[in-house]
Full PDB file with SEQRES, HELIX, SHEET, SSBOND, CRYST1, ORIGX, SCALE, CONECT and MASTER records, all heavy atoms in Angstrom:
SEQRES   1 A   43  TYR ALA ASN MET GLY LYS THR ALA ASN ARG GLY ILE GLU          
SEQRES   2 A   43  LEU THR VAL ASN SER ARG ASN ILE ASP VAL ASN GLY PHE          
SEQRES   3 A   43  THR TRP ASN THR GLY LEU VAL PHE SER TRP ASN HIS ASN          
SEQRES   4 A   43  GLU ILE LYS ASP                                              
SHEET    1 AA1 2 THR A   7  VAL A  23  0                                        
SHEET    2 AA1 2 PHE A  26  ILE A  41 -1                                        
CRYST1    1.000    1.000    1.000  90.00  90.00  90.00 P 1           1          
ORIGX1      1.000000  0.000000  0.000000        0.00000                         
ORIGX2      0.000000  1.000000  0.000000        0.00000                         
ORIGX3      0.000000  0.000000  1.000000        0.00000                         
SCALE1      1.000000  0.000000  0.000000        0.00000                         
SCALE2      0.000000  1.000000  0.000000        0.00000                         
SCALE3      0.000000  0.000000  1.000000        0.00000                         
ATOM      1  N   TYR A   1      -3.045  -6.280  31.518  1.00  0.00           N  
ATOM      2  CA  TYR A   1      -2.405  -6.793  30.316  1.00  0.00           C  
ATOM      3  C   TYR A   1      -2.322  -8.293  30.392  1.00  0.00           C  
ATOM      4  O   TYR A   1      -1.938  -8.852  31.439  1.00  0.00           O  
ATOM      5  CB  TYR A   1      -0.991  -6.175  30.037  1.00  0.00           C  
ATOM      6  CG  TYR A   1      -0.974  -4.848  29.355  1.00  0.00           C  
ATOM      7  CD1 TYR A   1      -0.616  -3.709  30.073  1.00  0.00           C  
ATOM      8  CD2 TYR A   1      -1.405  -4.724  28.060  1.00  0.00           C  
ATOM      9  CE1 TYR A   1      -0.600  -2.467  29.434  1.00  0.00           C  
ATOM     10  CE2 TYR A   1      -1.386  -3.473  27.417  1.00  0.00           C  
ATOM     11  CZ  TYR A   1      -1.004  -2.390  28.119  1.00  0.00           C  
ATOM     12  OH  TYR A   1      -0.996  -1.214  27.526  1.00  0.00           O  
ATOM     13  N   ALA A   2      -2.763  -8.996  29.314  1.00  0.00           N  
ATOM     14  CA  ALA A   2      -2.750 -10.407  29.265  1.00  0.00           C  
ATOM     15  C   ALA A   2      -2.418 -10.912  27.903  1.00  0.00           C  
ATOM     16  O   ALA A   2      -2.653 -10.271  26.913  1.00  0.00           O  
ATOM     17  CB  ALA A   2      -4.118 -10.932  29.773  1.00  0.00           C  
ATOM     18  N   ASN A   3      -1.795 -12.116  27.804  1.00  0.00           N  
ATOM     19  CA  ASN A   3      -1.555 -12.786  26.561  1.00  0.00           C  
ATOM     20  C   ASN A   3      -2.845 -13.614  26.236  1.00  0.00           C  
ATOM     21  O   ASN A   3      -3.231 -14.500  27.031  1.00  0.00           O  
ATOM     22  CB  ASN A   3      -0.406 -13.768  26.648  1.00  0.00           C  
ATOM     23  CG  ASN A   3       0.930 -13.034  26.678  1.00  0.00           C  
ATOM     24  OD1 ASN A   3       1.505 -13.001  27.767  1.00  0.00           O  
ATOM     25  ND2 ASN A   3       1.398 -12.527  25.590  1.00  0.00           N  
ATOM     26  N   MET A   4      -3.435 -13.234  25.161  1.00  0.00           N  
ATOM     27  CA  MET A   4      -4.741 -13.957  24.888  1.00  0.00           C  
ATOM     28  C   MET A   4      -5.107 -13.895  23.397  1.00  0.00           C  
ATOM     29  O   MET A   4      -4.714 -12.950  22.706  1.00  0.00           O  
ATOM     30  CB  MET A   4      -5.904 -13.244  25.683  1.00  0.00           C  
ATOM     31  CG  MET A   4      -5.921 -11.771  25.463  1.00  0.00           C  
ATOM     32  SD  MET A   4      -7.141 -10.971  26.554  1.00  0.00           S  
ATOM     33  CE  MET A   4      -8.654 -11.703  26.039  1.00  0.00           C  
ATOM     34  N   GLY A   5      -5.778 -14.941  22.982  1.00  0.00           N  
ATOM     35  CA  GLY A   5      -6.394 -14.925  21.652  1.00  0.00           C  
ATOM     36  C   GLY A   5      -5.410 -15.098  20.494  1.00  0.00           C  
ATOM     37  O   GLY A   5      -4.249 -15.271  20.619  1.00  0.00           O  
ATOM     38  N   LYS A   6      -6.080 -15.046  19.310  1.00  0.00           N  
ATOM     39  CA  LYS A   6      -5.385 -15.172  18.100  1.00  0.00           C  
ATOM     40  C   LYS A   6      -6.080 -14.284  17.015  1.00  0.00           C  
ATOM     41  O   LYS A   6      -7.313 -14.228  16.943  1.00  0.00           O  
ATOM     42  CB  LYS A   6      -5.479 -16.649  17.575  1.00  0.00           C  
ATOM     43  CG  LYS A   6      -4.846 -16.972  16.243  1.00  0.00           C  
ATOM     44  CD  LYS A   6      -5.028 -18.433  15.957  1.00  0.00           C  
ATOM     45  CE  LYS A   6      -4.344 -18.796  14.600  1.00  0.00           C  
ATOM     46  NZ  LYS A   6      -4.436 -20.212  14.340  1.00  0.00           N  
ATOM     47  N   THR A   7      -5.229 -13.573  16.251  1.00  0.00           N  
ATOM     48  CA  THR A   7      -5.746 -12.710  15.181  1.00  0.00           C  
ATOM     49  C   THR A   7      -5.141 -13.092  13.859  1.00  0.00           C  
ATOM     50  O   THR A   7      -4.061 -13.674  13.781  1.00  0.00           O  
ATOM     51  CB  THR A   7      -5.452 -11.210  15.460  1.00  0.00           C  
ATOM     52  OG1 THR A   7      -4.065 -11.038  15.564  1.00  0.00           O  
ATOM     53  CG2 THR A   7      -6.192 -10.771  16.731  1.00  0.00           C  
ATOM     54  N   ALA A   8      -5.760 -12.724  12.806  1.00  0.00           N  
ATOM     55  CA  ALA A   8      -5.266 -12.943  11.406  1.00  0.00           C  
ATOM     56  C   ALA A   8      -5.301 -11.706  10.656  1.00  0.00           C  
ATOM     57  O   ALA A   8      -6.243 -10.880  10.736  1.00  0.00           O  
ATOM     58  CB  ALA A   8      -6.068 -13.983  10.688  1.00  0.00           C  
ATOM     59  N   ASN A   9      -4.276 -11.433   9.871  1.00  0.00           N  
ATOM     60  CA  ASN A   9      -4.185 -10.237   9.041  1.00  0.00           C  
ATOM     61  C   ASN A   9      -3.843 -10.627   7.610  1.00  0.00           C  
ATOM     62  O   ASN A   9      -3.137 -11.616   7.383  1.00  0.00           O  
ATOM     63  CB  ASN A   9      -3.020  -9.355   9.508  1.00  0.00           C  
ATOM     64  CG  ASN A   9      -3.431  -8.425  10.659  1.00  0.00           C  
ATOM     65  OD1 ASN A   9      -3.923  -7.339  10.485  1.00  0.00           O  
ATOM     66  ND2 ASN A   9      -3.203  -8.915  11.874  1.00  0.00           N  
ATOM     67  N   ARG A  10      -4.346  -9.946   6.632  1.00  0.00           N  
ATOM     68  CA  ARG A  10      -4.007 -10.055   5.277  1.00  0.00           C  
ATOM     69  C   ARG A  10      -4.163  -8.738   4.593  1.00  0.00           C  
ATOM     70  O   ARG A  10      -4.937  -7.910   4.963  1.00  0.00           O  
ATOM     71  CB  ARG A  10      -4.880 -11.095   4.536  1.00  0.00           C  
ATOM     72  CG  ARG A  10      -6.335 -10.859   4.423  1.00  0.00           C  
ATOM     73  CD  ARG A  10      -7.094 -11.922   3.747  1.00  0.00           C  
ATOM     74  NE  ARG A  10      -8.502 -11.637   3.482  1.00  0.00           N  
ATOM     75  CZ  ARG A  10      -9.498 -11.781   4.328  1.00  0.00           C  
ATOM     76  NH1 ARG A  10      -9.192 -12.374   5.502  1.00  0.00           N  
ATOM     77  NH2 ARG A  10     -10.692 -11.482   3.998  1.00  0.00           N  
ATOM     78  N   GLY A  11      -3.318  -8.520   3.603  1.00  0.00           N  
ATOM     79  CA  GLY A  11      -3.377  -7.189   2.996  1.00  0.00           C  
ATOM     80  C   GLY A  11      -2.560  -7.158   1.666  1.00  0.00           C  
ATOM     81  O   GLY A  11      -1.910  -8.073   1.266  1.00  0.00           O  
ATOM     82  N   ILE A  12      -2.657  -5.968   1.060  1.00  0.00           N  
ATOM     83  CA  ILE A  12      -1.952  -5.627  -0.204  1.00  0.00           C  
ATOM     84  C   ILE A  12      -1.245  -4.312  -0.087  1.00  0.00           C  
ATOM     85  O   ILE A  12      -1.895  -3.352   0.429  1.00  0.00           O  
ATOM     86  CB  ILE A  12      -2.941  -5.640  -1.413  1.00  0.00           C  
ATOM     87  CG1 ILE A  12      -3.621  -7.012  -1.559  1.00  0.00           C  
ATOM     88  CG2 ILE A  12      -2.199  -5.221  -2.657  1.00  0.00           C  
ATOM     89  CD1 ILE A  12      -4.731  -6.891  -2.602  1.00  0.00           C  
ATOM     90  N   GLU A  13      -0.025  -4.203  -0.538  1.00  0.00           N  
ATOM     91  CA  GLU A  13       0.691  -2.891  -0.626  1.00  0.00           C  
ATOM     92  C   GLU A  13       1.134  -2.712  -2.059  1.00  0.00           C  
ATOM     93  O   GLU A  13       1.742  -3.621  -2.572  1.00  0.00           O  
ATOM     94  CB  GLU A  13       1.838  -2.914   0.336  1.00  0.00           C  
ATOM     95  CG  GLU A  13       1.416  -2.906   1.817  1.00  0.00           C  
ATOM     96  CD  GLU A  13       2.598  -2.902   2.760  1.00  0.00           C  
ATOM     97  OE1 GLU A  13       3.755  -3.076   2.284  1.00  0.00           O  
ATOM     98  OE2 GLU A  13       2.403  -2.711   4.009  1.00  0.00           O  
ATOM     99  N   LEU A  14       0.788  -1.575  -2.626  1.00  0.00           N  
ATOM    100  CA  LEU A  14       1.081  -1.327  -4.050  1.00  0.00           C  
ATOM    101  C   LEU A  14       1.821   0.005  -4.139  1.00  0.00           C  
ATOM    102  O   LEU A  14       1.431   0.974  -3.562  1.00  0.00           O  
ATOM    103  CB  LEU A  14      -0.242  -1.310  -4.826  1.00  0.00           C  
ATOM    104  CG  LEU A  14      -0.155  -0.847  -6.318  1.00  0.00           C  
ATOM    105  CD1 LEU A  14       0.637  -1.904  -7.151  1.00  0.00           C  
ATOM    106  CD2 LEU A  14      -1.551  -0.613  -6.868  1.00  0.00           C  
ATOM    107  N   THR A  15       2.847   0.002  -5.002  1.00  0.00           N  
ATOM    108  CA  THR A  15       3.565   1.200  -5.356  1.00  0.00           C  
ATOM    109  C   THR A  15       3.680   1.286  -6.902  1.00  0.00           C  
ATOM    110  O   THR A  15       4.103   0.357  -7.490  1.00  0.00           O  
ATOM    111  CB  THR A  15       4.928   1.288  -4.744  1.00  0.00           C  
ATOM    112  OG1 THR A  15       4.808   1.244  -3.325  1.00  0.00           O  
ATOM    113  CG2 THR A  15       5.685   2.588  -5.101  1.00  0.00           C  
ATOM    114  N   VAL A  16       3.323   2.424  -7.483  1.00  0.00           N  
ATOM    115  CA  VAL A  16       3.396   2.595  -8.943  1.00  0.00           C  
ATOM    116  C   VAL A  16       4.045   3.975  -9.202  1.00  0.00           C  
ATOM    117  O   VAL A  16       3.606   5.010  -8.620  1.00  0.00           O  
ATOM    118  CB  VAL A  16       2.013   2.566  -9.676  1.00  0.00           C  
ATOM    119  CG1 VAL A  16       2.218   2.773 -11.092  1.00  0.00           C  
ATOM    120  CG2 VAL A  16       1.325   1.193  -9.353  1.00  0.00           C  
ATOM    121  N   ASN A  17       5.048   3.984 -10.024  1.00  0.00           N  
ATOM    122  CA  ASN A  17       5.694   5.214 -10.523  1.00  0.00           C  
ATOM    123  C   ASN A  17       5.686   5.356 -12.016  1.00  0.00           C  
ATOM    124  O   ASN A  17       5.902   4.363 -12.651  1.00  0.00           O  
ATOM    125  CB  ASN A  17       7.143   5.312 -10.055  1.00  0.00           C  
ATOM    126  CG  ASN A  17       7.261   5.340  -8.477  1.00  0.00           C  
ATOM    127  OD1 ASN A  17       6.798   6.226  -7.864  1.00  0.00           O  
ATOM    128  ND2 ASN A  17       7.919   4.293  -7.959  1.00  0.00           N  
ATOM    129  N   SER A  18       5.279   6.477 -12.442  1.00  0.00           N  
ATOM    130  CA  SER A  18       5.180   6.627 -13.972  1.00  0.00           C  
ATOM    131  C   SER A  18       5.852   7.925 -14.471  1.00  0.00           C  
ATOM    132  O   SER A  18       5.792   8.920 -13.778  1.00  0.00           O  
ATOM    133  CB  SER A  18       3.721   6.604 -14.376  1.00  0.00           C  
ATOM    134  OG  SER A  18       3.040   7.739 -13.883  1.00  0.00           O  
ATOM    135  N   ARG A  19       6.424   7.831 -15.618  1.00  0.00           N  
ATOM    136  CA  ARG A  19       6.974   9.040 -16.257  1.00  0.00           C  
ATOM    137  C   ARG A  19       6.027   9.331 -17.432  1.00  0.00           C  
ATOM    138  O   ARG A  19       6.119   8.827 -18.503  1.00  0.00           O  
ATOM    139  CB  ARG A  19       8.394   8.759 -16.789  1.00  0.00           C  
ATOM    140  CG  ARG A  19       9.186   9.956 -17.297  1.00  0.00           C  
ATOM    141  CD  ARG A  19      10.600   9.706 -17.607  1.00  0.00           C  
ATOM    142  NE  ARG A  19      10.806   8.823 -18.754  1.00  0.00           N  
ATOM    143  CZ  ARG A  19      11.121   7.526 -18.713  1.00  0.00           C  
ATOM    144  NH1 ARG A  19      11.278   6.867 -17.521  1.00  0.00           N  
ATOM    145  NH2 ARG A  19      11.302   6.818 -19.840  1.00  0.00           N  
ATOM    146  N   ASN A  20       5.139  10.296 -17.126  1.00  0.00           N  
ATOM    147  CA  ASN A  20       4.065  10.541 -18.064  1.00  0.00           C  
ATOM    148  C   ASN A  20       4.504  11.370 -19.292  1.00  0.00           C  
ATOM    149  O   ASN A  20       4.142  11.058 -20.419  1.00  0.00           O  
ATOM    150  CB  ASN A  20       2.908  11.300 -17.380  1.00  0.00           C  
ATOM    151  CG  ASN A  20       2.436  10.569 -16.123  1.00  0.00           C  
ATOM    152  OD1 ASN A  20       2.295   9.403 -16.082  1.00  0.00           O  
ATOM    153  ND2 ASN A  20       2.246  11.342 -15.063  1.00  0.00           N  
ATOM    154  N   ILE A  21       5.270  12.390 -19.070  1.00  0.00           N  
ATOM    155  CA  ILE A  21       5.709  13.272 -20.147  1.00  0.00           C  
ATOM    156  C   ILE A  21       7.250  13.636 -19.893  1.00  0.00           C  
ATOM    157  O   ILE A  21       7.617  13.942 -18.813  1.00  0.00           O  
ATOM    158  CB  ILE A  21       4.893  14.570 -20.226  1.00  0.00           C  
ATOM    159  CG1 ILE A  21       3.415  14.313 -20.491  1.00  0.00           C  
ATOM    160  CG2 ILE A  21       5.471  15.549 -21.255  1.00  0.00           C  
ATOM    161  CD1 ILE A  21       2.568  15.524 -20.529  1.00  0.00           C  
ATOM    162  N   ASP A  22       7.975  13.619 -20.962  1.00  0.00           N  
ATOM    163  CA  ASP A  22       9.396  13.994 -20.921  1.00  0.00           C  
ATOM    164  C   ASP A  22       9.773  14.529 -22.314  1.00  0.00           C  
ATOM    165  O   ASP A  22      10.278  13.846 -23.096  1.00  0.00           O  
ATOM    166  CB  ASP A  22      10.263  12.782 -20.508  1.00  0.00           C  
ATOM    167  CG  ASP A  22      11.704  13.254 -20.257  1.00  0.00           C  
ATOM    168  OD1 ASP A  22      12.032  14.483 -20.479  1.00  0.00           O  
ATOM    169  OD2 ASP A  22      12.522  12.415 -19.803  1.00  0.00           O  
ATOM    170  N   VAL A  23       9.416  15.838 -22.474  1.00  0.00           N  
ATOM    171  CA  VAL A  23       9.563  16.460 -23.799  1.00  0.00           C  
ATOM    172  C   VAL A  23      10.069  17.872 -23.634  1.00  0.00           C  
ATOM    173  O   VAL A  23       9.562  18.672 -22.908  1.00  0.00           O  
ATOM    174  CB  VAL A  23       8.173  16.543 -24.577  1.00  0.00           C  
ATOM    175  CG1 VAL A  23       8.385  17.233 -25.865  1.00  0.00           C  
ATOM    176  CG2 VAL A  23       7.595  15.141 -24.720  1.00  0.00           C  
ATOM    177  N   ASN A  24      11.173  18.188 -24.341  1.00  0.00           N  
ATOM    178  CA  ASN A  24      11.767  19.530 -24.465  1.00  0.00           C  
ATOM    179  C   ASN A  24      11.966  20.142 -23.089  1.00  0.00           C  
ATOM    180  O   ASN A  24      11.647  21.313 -22.837  1.00  0.00           O  
ATOM    181  CB  ASN A  24      10.846  20.473 -25.285  1.00  0.00           C  
ATOM    182  CG  ASN A  24      10.728  19.970 -26.703  1.00  0.00           C  
ATOM    183  OD1 ASN A  24      11.683  19.383 -27.329  1.00  0.00           O  
ATOM    184  ND2 ASN A  24       9.499  20.165 -27.306  1.00  0.00           N  
ATOM    185  N   GLY A  25      12.526  19.339 -22.188  1.00  0.00           N  
ATOM    186  CA  GLY A  25      12.845  19.876 -20.842  1.00  0.00           C  
ATOM    187  C   GLY A  25      11.651  19.843 -19.835  1.00  0.00           C  
ATOM    188  O   GLY A  25      11.887  20.170 -18.669  1.00  0.00           O  
ATOM    189  N   PHE A  26      10.470  19.523 -20.350  1.00  0.00           N  
ATOM    190  CA  PHE A  26       9.331  19.457 -19.442  1.00  0.00           C  
ATOM    191  C   PHE A  26       9.043  18.041 -19.029  1.00  0.00           C  
ATOM    192  O   PHE A  26       8.919  17.177 -19.903  1.00  0.00           O  
ATOM    193  CB  PHE A  26       8.089  20.051 -20.134  1.00  0.00           C  
ATOM    194  CG  PHE A  26       6.799  19.886 -19.305  1.00  0.00           C  
ATOM    195  CD1 PHE A  26       6.587  20.719 -18.222  1.00  0.00           C  
ATOM    196  CD2 PHE A  26       5.875  18.904 -19.574  1.00  0.00           C  
ATOM    197  CE1 PHE A  26       5.432  20.592 -17.478  1.00  0.00           C  
ATOM    198  CE2 PHE A  26       4.683  18.784 -18.835  1.00  0.00           C  
ATOM    199  CZ  PHE A  26       4.519  19.657 -17.727  1.00  0.00           C  
ATOM    200  N   THR A  27       8.955  17.787 -17.779  1.00  0.00           N  
ATOM    201  CA  THR A  27       8.668  16.397 -17.259  1.00  0.00           C  
ATOM    202  C   THR A  27       7.476  16.433 -16.290  1.00  0.00           C  
ATOM    203  O   THR A  27       7.184  17.422 -15.624  1.00  0.00           O  
ATOM    204  CB  THR A  27       9.847  15.862 -16.495  1.00  0.00           C  
ATOM    205  OG1 THR A  27      10.148  16.635 -15.356  1.00  0.00           O  
ATOM    206  CG2 THR A  27      11.073  15.807 -17.396  1.00  0.00           C  
ATOM    207  N   TRP A  28       6.757  15.294 -16.336  1.00  0.00           N  
ATOM    208  CA  TRP A  28       5.624  15.115 -15.452  1.00  0.00           C  
ATOM    209  C   TRP A  28       5.697  13.639 -14.964  1.00  0.00           C  
ATOM    210  O   TRP A  28       5.582  12.735 -15.743  1.00  0.00           O  
ATOM    211  CB  TRP A  28       4.280  15.354 -16.163  1.00  0.00           C  
ATOM    212  CG  TRP A  28       3.076  14.961 -15.399  1.00  0.00           C  
ATOM    213  CD1 TRP A  28       2.993  14.841 -14.040  1.00  0.00           C  
ATOM    214  CD2 TRP A  28       1.784  14.575 -15.914  1.00  0.00           C  
ATOM    215  NE1 TRP A  28       1.710  14.431 -13.696  1.00  0.00           N  
ATOM    216  CE2 TRP A  28       0.972  14.253 -14.796  1.00  0.00           C  
ATOM    217  CE3 TRP A  28       1.279  14.525 -17.213  1.00  0.00           C  
ATOM    218  CZ2 TRP A  28      -0.337  13.838 -14.969  1.00  0.00           C  
ATOM    219  CZ3 TRP A  28      -0.053  14.066 -17.354  1.00  0.00           C  
ATOM    220  CH2 TRP A  28      -0.809  13.783 -16.232  1.00  0.00           C  
ATOM    221  N   ASN A  29       5.931  13.516 -13.658  1.00  0.00           N  
ATOM    222  CA  ASN A  29       6.068  12.193 -13.024  1.00  0.00           C  
ATOM    223  C   ASN A  29       4.945  12.019 -12.017  1.00  0.00           C  
ATOM    224  O   ASN A  29       4.549  12.955 -11.328  1.00  0.00           O  
ATOM    225  CB  ASN A  29       7.415  12.026 -12.377  1.00  0.00           C  
ATOM    226  CG  ASN A  29       8.553  12.049 -13.404  1.00  0.00           C  
ATOM    227  OD1 ASN A  29       8.454  11.533 -14.477  1.00  0.00           O  
ATOM    228  ND2 ASN A  29       9.660  12.669 -13.006  1.00  0.00           N  
ATOM    229  N   THR A  30       4.465  10.763 -11.838  1.00  0.00           N  
ATOM    230  CA  THR A  30       3.389  10.501 -10.927  1.00  0.00           C  
ATOM    231  C   THR A  30       3.856   9.325 -10.050  1.00  0.00           C  
ATOM    232  O   THR A  30       4.442   8.320 -10.553  1.00  0.00           O  
ATOM    233  CB  THR A  30       2.101  10.127 -11.649  1.00  0.00           C  
ATOM    234  OG1 THR A  30       1.599  11.301 -12.416  1.00  0.00           O  
ATOM    235  CG2 THR A  30       1.009   9.727 -10.662  1.00  0.00           C  
ATOM    236  N   GLY A  31       3.553   9.356  -8.775  1.00  0.00           N  
ATOM    237  CA  GLY A  31       3.791   8.300  -7.838  1.00  0.00           C  
ATOM    238  C   GLY A  31       2.533   7.991  -7.066  1.00  0.00           C  
ATOM    239  O   GLY A  31       1.844   8.868  -6.567  1.00  0.00           O  
ATOM    240  N   LEU A  32       2.220   6.681  -7.006  1.00  0.00           N  
ATOM    241  CA  LEU A  32       0.940   6.226  -6.292  1.00  0.00           C  
ATOM    242  C   LEU A  32       1.383   5.206  -5.304  1.00  0.00           C  
ATOM    243  O   LEU A  32       2.106   4.184  -5.632  1.00  0.00           O  
ATOM    244  CB  LEU A  32      -0.005   5.643  -7.355  1.00  0.00           C  
ATOM    245  CG  LEU A  32      -1.241   4.929  -6.781  1.00  0.00           C  
ATOM    246  CD1 LEU A  32      -2.214   5.858  -6.099  1.00  0.00           C  
ATOM    247  CD2 LEU A  32      -1.986   4.150  -7.864  1.00  0.00           C  
ATOM    248  N   VAL A  33       0.825   5.339  -4.046  1.00  0.00           N  
ATOM    249  CA  VAL A  33       0.974   4.305  -3.084  1.00  0.00           C  
ATOM    250  C   VAL A  33      -0.368   3.868  -2.528  1.00  0.00           C  
ATOM    251  O   VAL A  33      -1.297   4.780  -2.415  1.00  0.00           O  
ATOM    252  CB  VAL A  33       1.921   4.700  -1.885  1.00  0.00           C  
ATOM    253  CG1 VAL A  33       3.321   4.883  -2.369  1.00  0.00           C  
ATOM    254  CG2 VAL A  33       1.352   5.994  -1.251  1.00  0.00           C  
ATOM    255  N   PHE A  34      -0.594   2.607  -2.302  1.00  0.00           N  
ATOM    256  CA  PHE A  34      -1.926   2.126  -1.846  1.00  0.00           C  
ATOM    257  C   PHE A  34      -1.720   0.991  -0.934  1.00  0.00           C  
ATOM    258  O   PHE A  34      -0.792   0.146  -1.124  1.00  0.00           O  
ATOM    259  CB  PHE A  34      -2.731   1.663  -3.078  1.00  0.00           C  
ATOM    260  CG  PHE A  34      -4.052   0.910  -2.676  1.00  0.00           C  
ATOM    261  CD1 PHE A  34      -5.178   1.601  -2.348  1.00  0.00           C  
ATOM    262  CD2 PHE A  34      -4.025  -0.478  -2.669  1.00  0.00           C  
ATOM    263  CE1 PHE A  34      -6.347   0.921  -2.043  1.00  0.00           C  
ATOM    264  CE2 PHE A  34      -5.180  -1.195  -2.258  1.00  0.00           C  
ATOM    265  CZ  PHE A  34      -6.332  -0.479  -1.960  1.00  0.00           C  
ATOM    266  N   SER A  35      -2.465   0.972   0.209  1.00  0.00           N  
ATOM    267  CA  SER A  35      -2.339  -0.102   1.177  1.00  0.00           C  
ATOM    268  C   SER A  35      -3.686  -0.501   1.681  1.00  0.00           C  
ATOM    269  O   SER A  35      -4.532   0.365   2.051  1.00  0.00           O  
ATOM    270  CB  SER A  35      -1.481   0.364   2.341  1.00  0.00           C  
ATOM    271  OG  SER A  35      -1.434  -0.563   3.357  1.00  0.00           O  
ATOM    272  N   TRP A  36      -3.989  -1.793   1.670  1.00  0.00           N  
ATOM    273  CA  TRP A  36      -5.245  -2.340   2.173  1.00  0.00           C  
ATOM    274  C   TRP A  36      -4.966  -3.444   3.134  1.00  0.00           C  
ATOM    275  O   TRP A  36      -4.102  -4.239   2.977  1.00  0.00           O  
ATOM    276  CB  TRP A  36      -6.069  -2.914   0.977  1.00  0.00           C  
ATOM    277  CG  TRP A  36      -7.287  -3.679   1.470  1.00  0.00           C  
ATOM    278  CD1 TRP A  36      -8.534  -3.189   1.751  1.00  0.00           C  
ATOM    279  CD2 TRP A  36      -7.416  -5.129   1.589  1.00  0.00           C  
ATOM    280  NE1 TRP A  36      -9.353  -4.206   2.186  1.00  0.00           N  
ATOM    281  CE2 TRP A  36      -8.735  -5.427   2.063  1.00  0.00           C  
ATOM    282  CE3 TRP A  36      -6.495  -6.167   1.426  1.00  0.00           C  
ATOM    283  CZ2 TRP A  36      -9.133  -6.733   2.389  1.00  0.00           C  
ATOM    284  CZ3 TRP A  36      -6.941  -7.482   1.741  1.00  0.00           C  
ATOM    285  CH2 TRP A  36      -8.238  -7.709   2.194  1.00  0.00           C  
ATOM    286  N   ASN A  37      -5.704  -3.379   4.242  1.00  0.00           N  
ATOM    287  CA  ASN A  37      -5.493  -4.416   5.276  1.00  0.00           C  
ATOM    288  C   ASN A  37      -6.789  -4.869   5.941  1.00  0.00           C  
ATOM    289  O   ASN A  37      -7.668  -3.998   6.095  1.00  0.00           O  
ATOM    290  CB  ASN A  37      -4.541  -3.852   6.405  1.00  0.00           C  
ATOM    291  CG  ASN A  37      -4.387  -4.815   7.548  1.00  0.00           C  
ATOM    292  OD1 ASN A  37      -5.057  -4.756   8.572  1.00  0.00           O  
ATOM    293  ND2 ASN A  37      -3.430  -5.693   7.394  1.00  0.00           N  
ATOM    294  N   HIS A  38      -6.879  -6.105   6.202  1.00  0.00           N  
ATOM    295  CA  HIS A  38      -8.022  -6.665   6.930  1.00  0.00           C  
ATOM    296  C   HIS A  38      -7.482  -7.550   8.068  1.00  0.00           C  
ATOM    297  O   HIS A  38      -6.674  -8.418   7.869  1.00  0.00           O  
ATOM    298  CB  HIS A  38      -8.870  -7.552   5.944  1.00  0.00           C  
ATOM    299  CG  HIS A  38      -9.989  -8.282   6.681  1.00  0.00           C  
ATOM    300  ND1 HIS A  38     -11.169  -7.648   6.996  1.00  0.00           N  
ATOM    301  CD2 HIS A  38     -10.160  -9.560   7.091  1.00  0.00           C  
ATOM    302  CE1 HIS A  38     -11.937  -8.516   7.635  1.00  0.00           C  
ATOM    303  NE2 HIS A  38     -11.339  -9.671   7.646  1.00  0.00           N  
ATOM    304  N   ASN A  39      -7.986  -7.223   9.290  1.00  0.00           N  
ATOM    305  CA  ASN A  39      -7.616  -8.049  10.424  1.00  0.00           C  
ATOM    306  C   ASN A  39      -8.876  -8.420  11.137  1.00  0.00           C  
ATOM    307  O   ASN A  39      -9.892  -7.740  11.111  1.00  0.00           O  
ATOM    308  CB  ASN A  39      -6.703  -7.267  11.328  1.00  0.00           C  
ATOM    309  CG  ASN A  39      -7.383  -6.238  12.167  1.00  0.00           C  
ATOM    310  OD1 ASN A  39      -7.915  -6.580  13.269  1.00  0.00           O  
ATOM    311  ND2 ASN A  39      -7.414  -4.990  11.734  1.00  0.00           N  
ATOM    312  N   GLU A  40      -8.838  -9.603  11.743  1.00  0.00           N  
ATOM    313  CA  GLU A  40      -9.979 -10.101  12.465  1.00  0.00           C  
ATOM    314  C   GLU A  40      -9.486 -11.044  13.638  1.00  0.00           C  
ATOM    315  O   GLU A  40      -8.423 -11.585  13.559  1.00  0.00           O  
ATOM    316  CB  GLU A  40     -10.955 -10.923  11.576  1.00  0.00           C  
ATOM    317  CG  GLU A  40     -10.379 -12.113  10.936  1.00  0.00           C  
ATOM    318  CD  GLU A  40     -11.314 -12.853  10.055  1.00  0.00           C  
ATOM    319  OE1 GLU A  40     -12.018 -13.695  10.611  1.00  0.00           O  
ATOM    320  OE2 GLU A  40     -11.375 -12.539   8.859  1.00  0.00           O  
ATOM    321  N   ILE A  41     -10.338 -11.057  14.655  1.00  0.00           N  
ATOM    322  CA  ILE A  41     -10.116 -11.944  15.794  1.00  0.00           C  
ATOM    323  C   ILE A  41     -10.549 -13.294  15.442  1.00  0.00           C  
ATOM    324  O   ILE A  41     -11.725 -13.508  15.102  1.00  0.00           O  
ATOM    325  CB  ILE A  41     -10.857 -11.377  17.038  1.00  0.00           C  
ATOM    326  CG1 ILE A  41     -10.326 -10.011  17.419  1.00  0.00           C  
ATOM    327  CG2 ILE A  41     -10.658 -12.325  18.223  1.00  0.00           C  
ATOM    328  CD1 ILE A  41     -11.152  -9.354  18.517  1.00  0.00           C  
ATOM    329  N   LYS A  42      -9.665 -14.280  15.585  1.00  0.00           N  
ATOM    330  CA  LYS A  42      -9.991 -15.671  15.382  1.00  0.00           C  
ATOM    331  C   LYS A  42     -10.483 -16.405  16.602  1.00  0.00           C  
ATOM    332  O   LYS A  42     -11.346 -17.257  16.612  1.00  0.00           O  
ATOM    333  CB  LYS A  42      -8.801 -16.415  14.744  1.00  0.00           C  
ATOM    334  CG  LYS A  42      -8.437 -15.953  13.394  1.00  0.00           C  
ATOM    335  CD  LYS A  42      -9.539 -16.358  12.404  1.00  0.00           C  
ATOM    336  CE  LYS A  42      -9.145 -16.064  10.959  1.00  0.00           C  
ATOM    337  NZ  LYS A  42     -10.191 -16.429  10.031  1.00  0.00           N  
ATOM    338  N   ASP A  43      -9.887 -16.065  17.711  1.00  0.00           N  
ATOM    339  CA  ASP A  43     -10.223 -16.661  19.027  1.00  0.00           C  
ATOM    340  C   ASP A  43      -9.704 -15.750  20.151  1.00  0.00           C  
ATOM    341  O   ASP A  43      -8.787 -14.952  19.997  1.00  0.00           O  
ATOM    342  CB  ASP A  43      -9.651 -18.077  19.145  1.00  0.00           C  
ATOM    343  CG  ASP A  43     -10.306 -18.907  20.204  1.00  0.00           C  
ATOM    344  OD1 ASP A  43     -11.332 -18.442  20.745  1.00  0.00           O  
ATOM    345  OD2 ASP A  43      -9.773 -19.997  20.532  1.00  0.00           O  
TER     346      ASP A  43                                                      
MASTER        0    0    0    0    2    0    0    6  345    1    0    4          
END                                                                             
């Protein structure tokens, strides 16, 4: 094990919640999660 190098990370995290239908006691809800990440060795 050694301390070495340098890395860089960048990314996006997204959360979306929607109430699609809410009629006469019937409901439909949707939840979406998304995560994107890019990492690379700089040195």
